Amino acid sequence: QVQLVESGGGLVQAGDSLRLSCAASGRTFSSRAMAWFRQAPGKEREFVAGISRSGVATYYADSVKGRFTISRDNAKNTEYLQMNSLKPEDTAVYYCAARKPGNTDAKITTSYDYWGQGTQVTVSS
């Protein structure tokens, strides 16, 4: 069992930065690849960024590449998403997720079995 709790969301202006955190309980955090997804009103939940179990491999949606950075600290059971140069279209609820073991597609929601409750990010123009 893994419990995930996000924090760090808020209201910012275009061009500002935010850092999201996802604290995980349980002893299996380091054994799971992790990711961030987001969901805007009226839209489906979409992949934002993913990171391997060790943190060596990272991957991003094209829409955030070069602006967002995903990282993790396995000693602290915490995952992060540093978001720079925020745009109004980044406005959404952001969720962290733990990926199922095995060779699953990192960019689809069904590959993840544990989710946080979400944190709201609002970017004003």
Protein backbone atom coordinates (compact mmCIF):
# COMPACT_ATOMS: atom_id res chain seq x y z
CA GLN A 1 0.00 0.00 0.00
CA VAL A 2 1.29 3.45 -0.95
CA GLN A 3 -0.31 6.72 0.12
CA LEU A 4 0.59 9.87 -1.80
CA VAL A 5 0.04 13.45 -0.64
CA GLU A 6 0.75 16.40 -2.93
CA SER A 7 1.51 19.94 -1.83
CA GLY A 8 2.86 23.18 -3.25
CA GLY A 9 0.09 24.27 -5.58
CA GLY A 10 -1.24 27.80 -5.70
CA LEU A 11 -2.15 30.86 -7.71
CA VAL A 12 0.68 32.47 -9.66
CA GLN A 13 1.15 34.78 -12.61
CA ALA A 14 2.37 33.77 -16.05
CA GLY A 15 6.14 33.42 -16.04
CA ASP A 16 6.35 32.51 -12.36
CA SER A 17 7.59 29.24 -10.87
CA LEU A 18 6.17 26.67 -8.49
CA ARG A 19 7.55 23.51 -6.93
CA LEU A 20 5.18 20.66 -6.24
CA SER A 21 5.99 17.90 -3.77
CA CYS A 22 4.53 14.44 -3.36
CA ALA A 23 5.18 12.69 -0.06
CA ALA A 24 4.78 8.92 -0.08
CA SER A 25 4.12 6.64 2.84
CA GLY A 26 5.11 2.99 2.94
CA ARG A 27 8.34 1.19 2.21
CA THR A 28 7.83 0.66 -1.51
CA PHE A 29 8.43 4.18 -2.84
CA SER A 30 11.91 3.46 -4.15
CA SER A 31 10.66 0.36 -5.97
CA ARG A 32 8.14 2.32 -8.02
CA ALA A 33 8.53 4.53 -11.04
CA MET A 34 6.60 7.74 -10.44
CA ALA A 35 4.90 10.41 -12.48
CA TRP A 36 2.94 13.63 -12.48
CA PHE A 37 -0.34 14.00 -14.34
CA ARG A 38 -2.68 16.96 -14.59
CA GLN A 39 -6.34 17.51 -15.32
CA ALA A 40 -7.88 20.78 -16.46
CA PRO A 41 -11.64 21.44 -16.22
CA GLY A 42 -13.52 19.56 -18.91
CA LYS A 43 -10.42 17.70 -20.09
CA GLU A 44 -9.01 14.24 -19.57
CA ARG A 45 -6.16 13.61 -17.18
CA GLU A 46 -2.88 13.90 -19.08
CA PHE A 47 0.70 12.82 -18.51
CA VAL A 48 3.13 15.58 -17.55
CA ALA A 49 6.39 13.93 -16.48
CA GLY A 50 7.76 10.60 -15.32
CA ILE A 51 10.82 9.34 -13.49
CA SER A 52 12.40 5.93 -13.07
CA ARG A 53 12.83 4.17 -9.74
CA SER A 54 16.40 5.37 -9.36
CA GLY A 55 15.72 8.82 -10.73
CA VAL A 56 18.23 8.44 -13.54
CA ALA A 57 15.68 8.38 -16.35
CA THR A 58 13.14 11.17 -16.81
CA TYR A 59 10.64 11.92 -19.55
CA TYR A 60 8.22 14.73 -20.29
CA ALA A 61 5.20 15.71 -22.29
CA ASP A 62 6.15 17.95 -25.18
CA SER A 63 4.06 20.76 -23.72
CA VAL A 64 6.28 21.05 -20.62
CA LYS A 65 9.67 19.96 -21.93
CA GLY A 66 12.33 22.53 -21.09
CA ARG A 67 10.13 24.24 -18.46
CA PHE A 68 9.35 21.48 -15.94
CA THR A 69 11.77 19.20 -14.09
CA ILE A 70 10.81 16.03 -12.27
CA SER A 71 13.01 14.62 -9.51
CA ARG A 72 12.83 12.33 -6.51
CA ASP A 73 14.56 11.76 -3.20
CA ASN A 74 14.19 8.11 -2.24
CA ALA A 75 15.68 8.75 1.21
CA LYS A 76 12.81 11.16 1.89
CA ASN A 77 10.14 9.19 0.02
CA THR A 78 9.35 12.34 -1.94
CA GLU A 79 8.85 13.25 -5.58
CA TYR A 80 9.05 16.79 -6.93
CA LEU A 81 7.95 18.79 -9.93
CA GLN A 82 9.74 22.07 -10.49
CA MET A 83 7.64 24.20 -12.83
CA ASN A 84 9.21 27.28 -14.42
CA SER A 85 7.91 29.78 -16.96
CA LEU A 86 4.35 28.85 -16.13
CA LYS A 87 1.65 29.58 -18.67
CA PRO A 88 -2.13 29.98 -18.26
CA GLU A 89 -2.57 26.68 -20.11
CA ASP A 90 -0.71 24.94 -17.27
CA THR A 91 -3.70 25.61 -15.04
CA ALA A 92 -4.98 22.26 -13.74
CA VAL A 93 -5.15 19.95 -10.78
CA TYR A 94 -1.81 18.14 -10.57
CA TYR A 95 -1.63 14.54 -9.37
CA CYS A 96 1.30 12.37 -8.46
CA ALA A 97 1.06 8.68 -9.19
CA ALA A 98 2.96 5.46 -8.53
CA ARG A 99 3.38 3.15 -11.49
CA LYS A 100 2.47 -0.51 -11.42
CA PRO A 101 5.36 -2.96 -11.50
CA GLY A 102 6.21 -4.41 -14.86
CA ASN A 103 6.65 -3.10 -18.37
CA THR A 104 3.77 -0.67 -18.61
CA ASP A 105 3.23 2.44 -20.71
CA ALA A 106 4.39 5.35 -18.57
CA LYS A 107 2.13 7.89 -20.25
CA ILE A 108 -1.29 6.35 -19.64
CA THR A 109 -3.30 6.55 -16.43
CA THR A 110 -4.09 2.83 -16.29
CA SER A 111 -0.40 2.08 -15.74
CA TYR A 112 -0.66 3.64 -12.27
CA ASP A 113 -2.33 2.11 -9.24
CA TYR A 114 -1.77 4.74 -6.56
CA TRP A 115 -2.77 8.39 -6.84
CA GLY A 116 -2.62 11.44 -4.64
CA GLN A 117 -5.61 13.68 -4.00
CA GLY A 118 -4.29 16.43 -6.27
CA THR A 119 -3.14 20.00 -5.82
CA GLN A 120 -4.54 22.98 -7.73
CA VAL A 121 -2.23 25.10 -9.86
CA THR A 122 -3.72 28.27 -11.32
CA VAL A 123 -1.73 30.52 -13.63
CA SER A 124 -3.17 33.93 -14.40
CA SER A 125 -2.27 35.89 -17.53
